[in-house]
Amino acid sequence: MQKVIIISLFILVSFIWGTTWIAMKIATNTIPPLFATGFRFLLSFPLLLTIAYFRKAPLFFPLGQRKFQLIISIFYFLFPFSLMLYAGSTLNSVLASIIFSNMPVIVLISSIILLKEKTYFSRRLGIFTSIVSLILLVGKELYSRHFNSLIGIFSLIFAMVSHSIIYALCKKKSYKISIITFNTIPSFFSGILLTIIAWFIENPSLKKFSFVSIMAVFYLSTFVSIGAILMYFYLQKCINNFYASIVFLIIPIISELLEFFIYGNSISLDEYLFFIPIIISVLLTLLPKSFFKKIFFI
């Protein structure tokens, strides 16, 4: 029964996160990115509050850690999620998901820098492969003068870096905070602040919001921001990090299938060429050193 639950969770997380970039594109069709992000967080807050109540999870970090809760609100929620939604509006979903597949590599780099985590040759090779792939991708967009896509790529990379730094800092400070506590107040704070900022900067017209875009934001706030994250954290407790992180390699495949069925767009040769080295880089960084010892007898 446990295996069935794990497999089901793996499939659900892969599918939900695979649909994320399509949902972002649909949401920003009629809703400006900043307002959509704030709206997303405000929608997720009541559900998080309800879960916190029934699970008796505290809303605030312990005394002495509440400044860090504010930092999380800004640099894990407000700043990166706004950038991701903007990237989702400027990039096609397949390209965005391919770049996002680098997340395990970005987390490893932050862990090496901030936590002095030990590394070995295969991990260093994986990091090198990932960085080179991203540089080539940026160079291609620059050469093609796709400046909107270029801004989207950098927005997504900065969002991933911000997430990975907060993850590493949580680990460094040994904060044992429940996932519900981690999300509830920061979501509310970020939602309020972003909505106010967006109201004055983007001047959103509520009459122009389509029903489909509103439903996309609702989907992002519940299934993506809460459901998939809770399932992924549970998955990490049940299986080792390597198998859990394979989700990031499946996300682009789901995105590509949805892009084809919804918009009729098929993945280009360039995207294939960038996705292959990213798969290799993620595998190199996640596989344990013992695996390579068995393969190469070292």
C-alpha atoms as a PDB file:
ATOM      1  CA  MET A   1       0.000   0.000   0.000  1.00  0.00           C
ATOM      2  CA  GLN A   2       2.874   2.362   0.850  1.00  0.00           C
ATOM      3  CA  LYS A   3       4.373   1.858  -2.631  1.00  0.00           C
ATOM      4  CA  VAL A   4       1.027   2.694  -4.252  1.00  0.00           C
ATOM      5  CA  ILE A   5       0.820   5.926  -2.221  1.00  0.00           C
ATOM      6  CA  ILE A   6       4.395   6.912  -3.149  1.00  0.00           C
ATOM      7  CA  ILE A   7       3.861   6.215  -6.863  1.00  0.00           C
ATOM      8  CA  SER A   8       0.540   8.104  -6.807  1.00  0.00           C
ATOM      9  CA  LEU A   9       2.149  11.110  -5.101  1.00  0.00           C
ATOM     10  CA  PHE A  10       5.036  11.067  -7.573  1.00  0.00           C
ATOM     11  CA  ILE A  11       2.634  11.075 -10.537  1.00  0.00           C
ATOM     12  CA  LEU A  12       0.444  13.810  -9.033  1.00  0.00           C
ATOM     13  CA  VAL A  13       3.370  16.115  -8.173  1.00  0.00           C
ATOM     14  CA  SER A  14       4.914  15.616 -11.633  1.00  0.00           C
ATOM     15  CA  PHE A  15       1.607  16.367 -13.357  1.00  0.00           C
ATOM     16  CA  ILE A  16       0.660  19.390 -11.224  1.00  0.00           C
ATOM     17  CA  TRP A  17       4.081  21.029 -11.483  1.00  0.00           C
ATOM     18  CA  GLY A  18       4.168  20.115 -15.179  1.00  0.00           C
ATOM     19  CA  THR A  19       0.993  22.136 -15.678  1.00  0.00           C
ATOM     20  CA  THR A  20       2.325  25.136 -13.730  1.00  0.00           C
ATOM     21  CA  TRP A  21       3.782  27.040 -16.666  1.00  0.00           C
ATOM     22  CA  ILE A  22       0.693  26.582 -18.827  1.00  0.00           C
ATOM     23  CA  ALA A  23      -1.434  27.827 -15.910  1.00  0.00           C
ATOM     24  CA  MET A  24       0.848  30.870 -15.530  1.00  0.00           C
ATOM     25  CA  LYS A  25       0.510  31.677 -19.205  1.00  0.00           C
ATOM     26  CA  ILE A  26      -3.295  31.415 -19.006  1.00  0.00           C
ATOM     27  CA  ALA A  27      -3.416  33.495 -15.812  1.00  0.00           C
ATOM     28  CA  THR A  28      -1.384  36.357 -17.277  1.00  0.00           C
ATOM     29  CA  ASN A  29      -3.439  36.479 -20.471  1.00  0.00           C
ATOM     30  CA  THR A  30      -5.809  38.960 -18.808  1.00  0.00           C
ATOM     31  CA  ILE A  31      -4.331  39.495 -15.303  1.00  0.00           C
ATOM     32  CA  PRO A  32      -1.066  41.470 -14.867  1.00  0.00           C
ATOM     33  CA  PRO A  33       1.779  39.347 -13.338  1.00  0.00           C
ATOM     34  CA  LEU A  34       2.215  41.211 -10.022  1.00  0.00           C
ATOM     35  CA  PHE A  35      -1.501  41.347  -9.327  1.00  0.00           C
ATOM     36  CA  ALA A  36      -1.902  37.684 -10.333  1.00  0.00           C
ATOM     37  CA  THR A  37       0.856  36.711  -7.874  1.00  0.00           C
ATOM     38  CA  GLY A  38      -0.707  38.710  -5.031  1.00  0.00           C
ATOM     39  CA  PHE A  39      -4.161  37.331  -5.895  1.00  0.00           C
ATOM     40  CA  ARG A  40      -2.660  33.825  -5.895  1.00  0.00           C
ATOM     41  CA  PHE A  41      -1.256  34.210  -2.374  1.00  0.00           C
ATOM     42  CA  LEU A  42      -4.438  35.766  -0.995  1.00  0.00           C
ATOM     43  CA  LEU A  43      -6.468  32.846  -2.353  1.00  0.00           C
ATOM     44  CA  SER A  44      -4.120  30.285  -0.803  1.00  0.00           C
ATOM     45  CA  PHE A  45      -4.124  31.939   2.659  1.00  0.00           C
ATOM     46  CA  PRO A  46      -7.603  30.815   3.875  1.00  0.00           C
ATOM     47  CA  LEU A  47      -6.865  27.197   2.947  1.00  0.00           C
ATOM     48  CA  LEU A  48      -3.455  27.329   4.646  1.00  0.00           C
ATOM     49  CA  LEU A  49      -5.067  28.895   7.718  1.00  0.00           C
ATOM     50  CA  THR A  50      -7.655  26.102   7.834  1.00  0.00           C
ATOM     51  CA  ILE A  51      -4.977  23.405   7.560  1.00  0.00           C
ATOM     52  CA  ALA A  52      -2.927  25.145  10.273  1.00  0.00           C
ATOM     53  CA  TYR A  53      -5.974  25.209  12.567  1.00  0.00           C
ATOM     54  CA  PHE A  54      -6.765  21.505  12.218  1.00  0.00           C
ATOM     55  CA  ARG A  55      -3.125  20.447  12.415  1.00  0.00           C
ATOM     56  CA  LYS A  56      -2.502  22.873  15.296  1.00  0.00           C
ATOM     57  CA  ALA A  57       0.477  24.321  13.468  1.00  0.00           C
ATOM     58  CA  PRO A  58       1.733  27.692  14.771  1.00  0.00           C
ATOM     59  CA  LEU A  59       1.329  30.665  12.460  1.00  0.00           C
ATOM     60  CA  PHE A  60       4.503  32.420  13.522  1.00  0.00           C
ATOM     61  CA  PHE A  61       8.105  31.284  13.810  1.00  0.00           C
ATOM     62  CA  PRO A  62       9.497  30.938  17.353  1.00  0.00           C
ATOM     63  CA  LEU A  63      10.774  34.099  19.065  1.00  0.00           C
ATOM     64  CA  GLY A  64      14.195  35.005  17.734  1.00  0.00           C
ATOM     65  CA  GLN A  65      13.366  33.623  14.275  1.00  0.00           C
ATOM     66  CA  ARG A  66      10.613  36.025  13.214  1.00  0.00           C
ATOM     67  CA  LYS A  67      12.927  38.385  11.350  1.00  0.00           C
ATOM     68  CA  PHE A  68      13.820  35.420   9.188  1.00  0.00           C
ATOM     69  CA  GLN A  69      10.087  34.811   8.617  1.00  0.00           C
ATOM     70  CA  LEU A  70       9.942  38.322   7.120  1.00  0.00           C
ATOM     71  CA  ILE A  71      12.968  37.541   4.930  1.00  0.00           C
ATOM     72  CA  ILE A  72      11.205  34.374   3.727  1.00  0.00           C
ATOM     73  CA  SER A  73       8.087  36.409   2.916  1.00  0.00           C
ATOM     74  CA  ILE A  74      10.098  38.700   0.655  1.00  0.00           C
ATOM     75  CA  PHE A  75      12.803  36.481  -0.835  1.00  0.00           C
ATOM     76  CA  TYR A  76      10.974  33.143  -1.042  1.00  0.00           C
ATOM     77  CA  PHE A  77       7.458  34.337  -1.863  1.00  0.00           C
ATOM     78  CA  LEU A  78       7.050  37.979  -2.973  1.00  0.00           C
ATOM     79  CA  PHE A  79      10.185  38.404  -5.081  1.00  0.00           C
ATOM     80  CA  PRO A  80      10.709  34.978  -6.754  1.00  0.00           C
ATOM     81  CA  PHE A  81       7.063  34.084  -7.414  1.00  0.00           C
ATOM     82  CA  SER A  82       6.498  37.461  -9.083  1.00  0.00           C
ATOM     83  CA  LEU A  83       9.531  36.816 -11.281  1.00  0.00           C
ATOM     84  CA  MET A  84       8.334  33.303 -12.102  1.00  0.00           C
ATOM     85  CA  LEU A  85       4.894  34.510 -13.139  1.00  0.00           C
ATOM     86  CA  TYR A  86       6.503  37.191 -15.293  1.00  0.00           C
ATOM     87  CA  ALA A  87       8.779  34.548 -16.852  1.00  0.00           C
ATOM     88  CA  GLY A  88       5.726  32.372 -17.484  1.00  0.00           C
ATOM     89  CA  SER A  89       4.133  35.213 -19.441  1.00  0.00           C
ATOM     90  CA  THR A  90       7.188  35.818 -21.659  1.00  0.00           C
ATOM     91  CA  LEU A  91       8.520  32.288 -22.234  1.00  0.00           C
ATOM     92  CA  ASN A  92       6.793  29.286 -23.742  1.00  0.00           C
ATOM     93  CA  SER A  93       5.939  26.735 -21.075  1.00  0.00           C
ATOM     94  CA  VAL A  94       8.403  24.113 -22.362  1.00  0.00           C
ATOM     95  CA  LEU A  95      11.397  26.459 -22.256  1.00  0.00           C
ATOM     96  CA  ALA A  96      10.410  27.733 -18.797  1.00  0.00           C
ATOM     97  CA  SER A  97      10.075  24.194 -17.443  1.00  0.00           C
ATOM     98  CA  ILE A  98      13.425  23.170 -18.988  1.00  0.00           C
ATOM     99  CA  ILE A  99      15.165  26.051 -17.224  1.00  0.00           C
ATOM    100  CA  PHE A 100      13.298  25.228 -13.980  1.00  0.00           C
ATOM    101  CA  SER A 101      14.656  21.662 -14.220  1.00  0.00           C
ATOM    102  CA  ASN A 102      17.985  23.127 -13.115  1.00  0.00           C
ATOM    103  CA  MET A 103      16.538  23.719  -9.637  1.00  0.00           C
ATOM    104  CA  PRO A 104      18.364  20.767  -7.981  1.00  0.00           C
ATOM    105  CA  VAL A 105      21.655  22.066  -9.424  1.00  0.00           C
ATOM    106  CA  ILE A 106      20.993  25.631  -8.198  1.00  0.00           C
ATOM    107  CA  VAL A 107      20.176  24.270  -4.728  1.00  0.00           C
ATOM    108  CA  LEU A 108      23.439  22.300  -4.727  1.00  0.00           C
ATOM    109  CA  ILE A 109      25.460  25.401  -5.696  1.00  0.00           C
ATOM    110  CA  SER A 110      23.862  27.405  -2.859  1.00  0.00           C
ATOM    111  CA  SER A 111      24.536  24.544  -0.426  1.00  0.00           C
ATOM    112  CA  ILE A 112      28.200  24.403  -1.467  1.00  0.00           C
ATOM    113  CA  ILE A 113      28.630  28.172  -1.029  1.00  0.00           C
ATOM    114  CA  LEU A 114      26.581  28.697   2.145  1.00  0.00           C
ATOM    115  CA  LEU A 115      26.820  25.328   3.883  1.00  0.00           C
ATOM    116  CA  LYS A 116      30.300  24.317   2.704  1.00  0.00           C
ATOM    117  CA  GLU A 117      28.741  21.085   1.500  1.00  0.00           C
ATOM    118  CA  LYS A 118      31.306  18.612   0.243  1.00  0.00           C
ATOM    119  CA  THR A 119      31.298  17.852  -3.431  1.00  0.00           C
ATOM    120  CA  TYR A 120      33.005  15.410  -5.768  1.00  0.00           C
ATOM    121  CA  PHE A 121      33.942  15.183  -9.425  1.00  0.00           C
ATOM    122  CA  SER A 122      30.549  14.094 -10.831  1.00  0.00           C
ATOM    123  CA  ARG A 123      28.753  16.904  -8.998  1.00  0.00           C
ATOM    124  CA  ARG A 124      31.273  19.481 -10.195  1.00  0.00           C
ATOM    125  CA  LEU A 125      30.853  18.149 -13.728  1.00  0.00           C
ATOM    126  CA  GLY A 126      27.054  18.384 -13.374  1.00  0.00           C
ATOM    127  CA  ILE A 127      27.266  21.988 -12.165  1.00  0.00           C
ATOM    128  CA  PHE A 128      29.614  22.880 -15.035  1.00  0.00           C
ATOM    129  CA  THR A 129      27.286  21.249 -17.604  1.00  0.00           C
ATOM    130  CA  SER A 130      24.256  23.076 -16.204  1.00  0.00           C
ATOM    131  CA  ILE A 131      25.962  26.491 -16.206  1.00  0.00           C
ATOM    132  CA  VAL A 132      27.309  26.033 -19.742  1.00  0.00           C
ATOM    133  CA  SER A 133      23.825  25.025 -20.981  1.00  0.00           C
ATOM    134  CA  LEU A 134      22.255  28.153 -19.461  1.00  0.00           C
ATOM    135  CA  ILE A 135      24.992  30.392 -20.886  1.00  0.00           C
ATOM    136  CA  LEU A 136      24.455  28.915 -24.351  1.00  0.00           C
ATOM    137  CA  LEU A 137      20.692  29.407 -23.991  1.00  0.00           C
ATOM    138  CA  VAL A 138      21.176  33.061 -23.047  1.00  0.00           C
ATOM    139  CA  GLY A 139      23.618  33.490 -25.946  1.00  0.00           C
ATOM    140  CA  LYS A 140      21.106  31.998 -28.381  1.00  0.00           C
ATOM    141  CA  GLU A 141      18.317  34.347 -27.254  1.00  0.00           C
ATOM    142  CA  LEU A 142      20.714  37.318 -27.365  1.00  0.00           C
ATOM    143  CA  TYR A 143      21.850  36.404 -30.884  1.00  0.00           C
ATOM    144  CA  SER A 144      18.218  36.015 -32.014  1.00  0.00           C
ATOM    145  CA  ARG A 145      17.368  39.379 -30.403  1.00  0.00           C
ATOM    146  CA  HIS A 146      14.551  37.777 -28.411  1.00  0.00           C
ATOM    147  CA  PHE A 147      14.956  40.337 -25.632  1.00  0.00           C
ATOM    148  CA  ASN A 148      11.602  39.613 -23.954  1.00  0.00           C
ATOM    149  CA  SER A 149      12.557  35.941 -23.706  1.00  0.00           C
ATOM    150  CA  LEU A 150      15.971  36.947 -22.384  1.00  0.00           C
ATOM    151  CA  ILE A 151      14.402  39.001 -19.584  1.00  0.00           C
ATOM    152  CA  GLY A 152      12.109  36.051 -18.820  1.00  0.00           C
ATOM    153  CA  ILE A 153      15.084  33.666 -18.620  1.00  0.00           C
ATOM    154  CA  PHE A 154      16.973  35.934 -16.200  1.00  0.00           C
ATOM    155  CA  SER A 155      13.801  36.465 -14.146  1.00  0.00           C
ATOM    156  CA  LEU A 156      13.382  32.713 -13.762  1.00  0.00           C
ATOM    157  CA  ILE A 157      17.054  32.148 -12.923  1.00  0.00           C
ATOM    158  CA  PHE A 158      16.983  34.906 -10.259  1.00  0.00           C
ATOM    159  CA  ALA A 159      13.810  33.378  -8.788  1.00  0.00           C
ATOM    160  CA  MET A 160      15.455  29.957  -8.575  1.00  0.00           C
ATOM    161  CA  VAL A 161      18.587  31.441  -6.964  1.00  0.00           C
ATOM    162  CA  SER A 162      16.474  33.278  -4.388  1.00  0.00           C
ATOM    163  CA  HIS A 163      14.587  30.074  -3.528  1.00  0.00           C
ATOM    164  CA  SER A 164      17.793  28.048  -3.241  1.00  0.00           C
ATOM    165  CA  ILE A 165      19.475  30.610  -0.958  1.00  0.00           C
ATOM    166  CA  ILE A 166      16.506  30.624   1.439  1.00  0.00           C
ATOM    167  CA  TYR A 167      16.506  26.800   1.384  1.00  0.00           C
ATOM    168  CA  ALA A 168      20.215  26.730   2.244  1.00  0.00           C
ATOM    169  CA  LEU A 169      19.814  29.346   5.000  1.00  0.00           C
ATOM    170  CA  CYS A 170      16.964  27.344   6.571  1.00  0.00           C
ATOM    171  CA  LYS A 171      19.232  24.315   6.584  1.00  0.00           C
ATOM    172  CA  LYS A 172      22.190  26.305   7.936  1.00  0.00           C
ATOM    173  CA  LYS A 173      20.161  27.788  10.791  1.00  0.00           C
ATOM    174  CA  SER A 174      18.580  24.365  11.497  1.00  0.00           C
ATOM    175  CA  TYR A 175      15.075  25.805  11.447  1.00  0.00           C
ATOM    176  CA  LYS A 176      12.691  22.908  12.001  1.00  0.00           C
ATOM    177  CA  ILE A 177       9.529  24.673  10.886  1.00  0.00           C
ATOM    178  CA  SER A 178       6.478  22.834   9.594  1.00  0.00           C
ATOM    179  CA  ILE A 179       5.692  23.402   5.935  1.00  0.00           C
ATOM    180  CA  ILE A 180       2.333  24.940   6.933  1.00  0.00           C
ATOM    181  CA  THR A 181       3.972  27.481   9.269  1.00  0.00           C
ATOM    182  CA  PHE A 182       6.552  28.219   6.579  1.00  0.00           C
ATOM    183  CA  ASN A 183       3.842  29.097   4.035  1.00  0.00           C
ATOM    184  CA  THR A 184       0.861  30.624   5.884  1.00  0.00           C
ATOM    185  CA  ILE A 185       1.891  34.081   7.151  1.00  0.00           C
ATOM    186  CA  PRO A 186       4.461  34.711   4.371  1.00  0.00           C
ATOM    187  CA  SER A 187       1.739  33.975   1.799  1.00  0.00           C
ATOM    188  CA  PHE A 188      -0.651  36.405   3.469  1.00  0.00           C
ATOM    189  CA  PHE A 189       1.969  39.147   3.897  1.00  0.00           C
ATOM    190  CA  SER A 190       3.229  38.769   0.309  1.00  0.00           C
ATOM    191  CA  GLY A 191      -0.321  38.679  -1.047  1.00  0.00           C
ATOM    192  CA  ILE A 192      -1.336  41.910   0.675  1.00  0.00           C
ATOM    193  CA  LEU A 193       1.863  43.755  -0.266  1.00  0.00           C
ATOM    194  CA  LEU A 194       1.893  42.587  -3.886  1.00  0.00           C
ATOM    195  CA  THR A 195      -1.776  43.413  -4.405  1.00  0.00           C
ATOM    196  CA  ILE A 196      -1.239  46.966  -3.126  1.00  0.00           C
ATOM    197  CA  ILE A 197       1.925  47.454  -5.223  1.00  0.00           C
ATOM    198  CA  ALA A 198       0.271  45.981  -8.321  1.00  0.00           C
ATOM    199  CA  TRP A 199      -2.802  48.181  -7.896  1.00  0.00           C
ATOM    200  CA  PHE A 200      -0.698  51.315  -8.284  1.00  0.00           C
ATOM    201  CA  ILE A 201       1.967  50.037 -10.727  1.00  0.00           C
ATOM    202  CA  GLU A 202      -0.053  47.799 -13.061  1.00  0.00           C
ATOM    203  CA  ASN A 203      -3.423  49.543 -12.619  1.00  0.00           C
ATOM    204  CA  PRO A 204      -5.350  46.275 -13.212  1.00  0.00           C
ATOM    205  CA  SER A 205      -8.853  46.444 -14.656  1.00  0.00           C
ATOM    206  CA  LEU A 206     -11.003  43.846 -12.899  1.00  0.00           C
ATOM    207  CA  LYS A 207     -13.544  43.938 -15.752  1.00  0.00           C
ATOM    208  CA  LYS A 208     -10.898  42.611 -18.142  1.00  0.00           C
ATOM    209  CA  PHE A 209     -10.122  39.529 -16.044  1.00  0.00           C
ATOM    210  CA  SER A 210     -11.401  36.460 -17.880  1.00  0.00           C
ATOM    211  CA  PHE A 211     -13.004  33.565 -16.041  1.00  0.00           C
ATOM    212  CA  VAL A 212     -10.325  31.215 -17.396  1.00  0.00           C
ATOM    213  CA  SER A 213      -7.506  33.424 -16.066  1.00  0.00           C
ATOM    214  CA  ILE A 214      -9.149  33.623 -12.630  1.00  0.00           C
ATOM    215  CA  MET A 215      -9.518  29.837 -12.559  1.00  0.00           C
ATOM    216  CA  ALA A 216      -5.830  29.512 -13.532  1.00  0.00           C
ATOM    217  CA  VAL A 217      -4.843  31.688 -10.563  1.00  0.00           C
ATOM    218  CA  PHE A 218      -7.114  29.601  -8.317  1.00  0.00           C
ATOM    219  CA  TYR A 219      -5.429  26.447  -9.624  1.00  0.00           C
ATOM    220  CA  LEU A 220      -1.968  27.924  -8.937  1.00  0.00           C
ATOM    221  CA  SER A 221      -2.968  28.982  -5.424  1.00  0.00           C
ATOM    222  CA  THR A 222      -4.452  25.642  -4.347  1.00  0.00           C
ATOM    223  CA  PHE A 223      -3.135  22.715  -6.368  1.00  0.00           C
ATOM    224  CA  VAL A 224       0.319  24.128  -7.171  1.00  0.00           C
ATOM    225  CA  SER A 225       1.188  26.294  -4.147  1.00  0.00           C
ATOM    226  CA  ILE A 226      -0.327  24.015  -1.510  1.00  0.00           C
ATOM    227  CA  GLY A 227      -1.260  20.563  -2.812  1.00  0.00           C
ATOM    228  CA  ALA A 228       1.866  19.764  -4.818  1.00  0.00           C
ATOM    229  CA  ILE A 229       4.244  21.256  -2.234  1.00  0.00           C
ATOM    230  CA  LEU A 230       2.719  19.266   0.639  1.00  0.00           C
ATOM    231  CA  MET A 231       2.825  16.092  -1.448  1.00  0.00           C
ATOM    232  CA  TYR A 232       6.440  16.710  -2.507  1.00  0.00           C
ATOM    233  CA  PHE A 233       7.624  17.232   1.075  1.00  0.00           C
ATOM    234  CA  TYR A 234       5.856  14.029   2.116  1.00  0.00           C
ATOM    235  CA  LEU A 235       7.449  12.275  -0.856  1.00  0.00           C
ATOM    236  CA  GLN A 236      10.910  13.410   0.275  1.00  0.00           C
ATOM    237  CA  LYS A 237      10.292  11.782   3.648  1.00  0.00           C
ATOM    238  CA  CYS A 238       9.366   8.469   2.017  1.00  0.00           C
ATOM    239  CA  ILE A 239      12.079   8.151  -0.642  1.00  0.00           C
ATOM    240  CA  ASN A 240      15.620   9.467  -1.045  1.00  0.00           C
ATOM    241  CA  ASN A 241      16.334  12.856  -2.581  1.00  0.00           C
ATOM    242  CA  PHE A 242      17.499  11.402  -5.916  1.00  0.00           C
ATOM    243  CA  TYR A 243      14.178   9.720  -6.717  1.00  0.00           C
ATOM    244  CA  ALA A 244      12.129  12.684  -5.443  1.00  0.00           C
ATOM    245  CA  SER A 245      14.128  15.133  -7.592  1.00  0.00           C
ATOM    246  CA  ILE A 246      13.425  13.145 -10.770  1.00  0.00           C
ATOM    247  CA  VAL A 247      10.146  15.090 -10.698  1.00  0.00           C
ATOM    248  CA  PHE A 248      12.087  18.092 -12.045  1.00  0.00           C
ATOM    249  CA  LEU A 249      13.080  16.079 -15.127  1.00  0.00           C
ATOM    250  CA  ILE A 250       9.501  14.993 -15.828  1.00  0.00           C
ATOM    251  CA  ILE A 251       8.063  18.527 -15.579  1.00  0.00           C
ATOM    252  CA  PRO A 252       9.290  19.595 -19.076  1.00  0.00           C
ATOM    253  CA  ILE A 253       7.820  16.438 -20.634  1.00  0.00           C
ATOM    254  CA  ILE A 254       4.393  17.201 -19.136  1.00  0.00           C
ATOM    255  CA  SER A 255       4.706  20.827 -20.253  1.00  0.00           C
ATOM    256  CA  GLU A 256       5.637  19.789 -23.786  1.00  0.00           C
ATOM    257  CA  LEU A 257       2.625  17.462 -24.071  1.00  0.00           C
ATOM    258  CA  LEU A 258       0.255  20.165 -22.800  1.00  0.00           C
ATOM    259  CA  GLU A 259       1.811  22.797 -25.074  1.00  0.00           C
ATOM    260  CA  PHE A 260       1.190  20.470 -28.021  1.00  0.00           C
ATOM    261  CA  PHE A 261      -2.400  19.519 -27.125  1.00  0.00           C
ATOM    262  CA  ILE A 262      -3.522  23.034 -26.094  1.00  0.00           C
ATOM    263  CA  TYR A 263      -1.608  25.259 -28.509  1.00  0.00           C
ATOM    264  CA  GLY A 264      -0.428  22.797 -31.152  1.00  0.00           C
ATOM    265  CA  ASN A 265       3.222  23.745 -30.509  1.00  0.00           C
ATOM    266  CA  SER A 266       5.800  20.963 -30.600  1.00  0.00           C
ATOM    267  CA  ILE A 267       9.189  21.115 -28.905  1.00  0.00           C
ATOM    268  CA  SER A 268      11.899  22.547 -31.147  1.00  0.00           C
ATOM    269  CA  LEU A 269      15.272  21.001 -31.895  1.00  0.00           C
ATOM    270  CA  ASP A 270      16.959  23.767 -29.879  1.00  0.00           C
ATOM    271  CA  GLU A 271      14.872  22.907 -26.824  1.00  0.00           C
ATOM    272  CA  TYR A 272      15.792  19.228 -27.189  1.00  0.00           C
ATOM    273  CA  LEU A 273      19.473  20.159 -27.412  1.00  0.00           C
ATOM    274  CA  PHE A 274      19.250  22.206 -24.210  1.00  0.00           C
ATOM    275  CA  PHE A 275      17.134  19.679 -22.325  1.00  0.00           C
ATOM    276  CA  ILE A 276      19.526  16.733 -22.860  1.00  0.00           C
ATOM    277  CA  PRO A 277      22.563  18.328 -21.108  1.00  0.00           C
ATOM    278  CA  ILE A 278      20.279  19.562 -18.316  1.00  0.00           C
ATOM    279  CA  ILE A 279      19.083  15.984 -17.715  1.00  0.00           C
ATOM    280  CA  ILE A 280      22.712  14.876 -17.590  1.00  0.00           C
ATOM    281  CA  SER A 281      23.708  17.710 -15.238  1.00  0.00           C
ATOM    282  CA  VAL A 282      20.856  17.000 -12.794  1.00  0.00           C
ATOM    283  CA  LEU A 283      21.631  13.279 -12.744  1.00  0.00           C
ATOM    284  CA  LEU A 284      25.336  13.967 -12.170  1.00  0.00           C
ATOM    285  CA  THR A 285      24.580  16.225  -9.205  1.00  0.00           C
ATOM    286  CA  LEU A 286      21.991  13.931  -7.619  1.00  0.00           C
ATOM    287  CA  LEU A 287      23.513  10.474  -8.019  1.00  0.00           C
ATOM    288  CA  PRO A 288      25.557   9.420  -4.964  1.00  0.00           C
ATOM    289  CA  LYS A 289      29.322   9.030  -5.190  1.00  0.00           C
ATOM    290  CA  SER A 290      28.968   5.269  -4.533  1.00  0.00           C
ATOM    291  CA  PHE A 291      27.082   4.914  -7.833  1.00  0.00           C
ATOM    292  CA  PHE A 292      30.063   6.172  -9.840  1.00  0.00           C
ATOM    293  CA  LYS A 293      32.439   4.003  -7.832  1.00  0.00           C
ATOM    294  CA  LYS A 294      30.485   0.937  -8.903  1.00  0.00           C
ATOM    295  CA  ILE A 295      30.373   2.064 -12.556  1.00  0.00           C
ATOM    296  CA  PHE A 296      34.021   3.049 -12.906  1.00  0.00           C
ATOM    297  CA  PHE A 297      35.448   0.730 -10.225  1.00  0.00           C
ATOM    298  CA  ILE A 298      37.024   3.603  -8.305  1.00  0.00           C
END
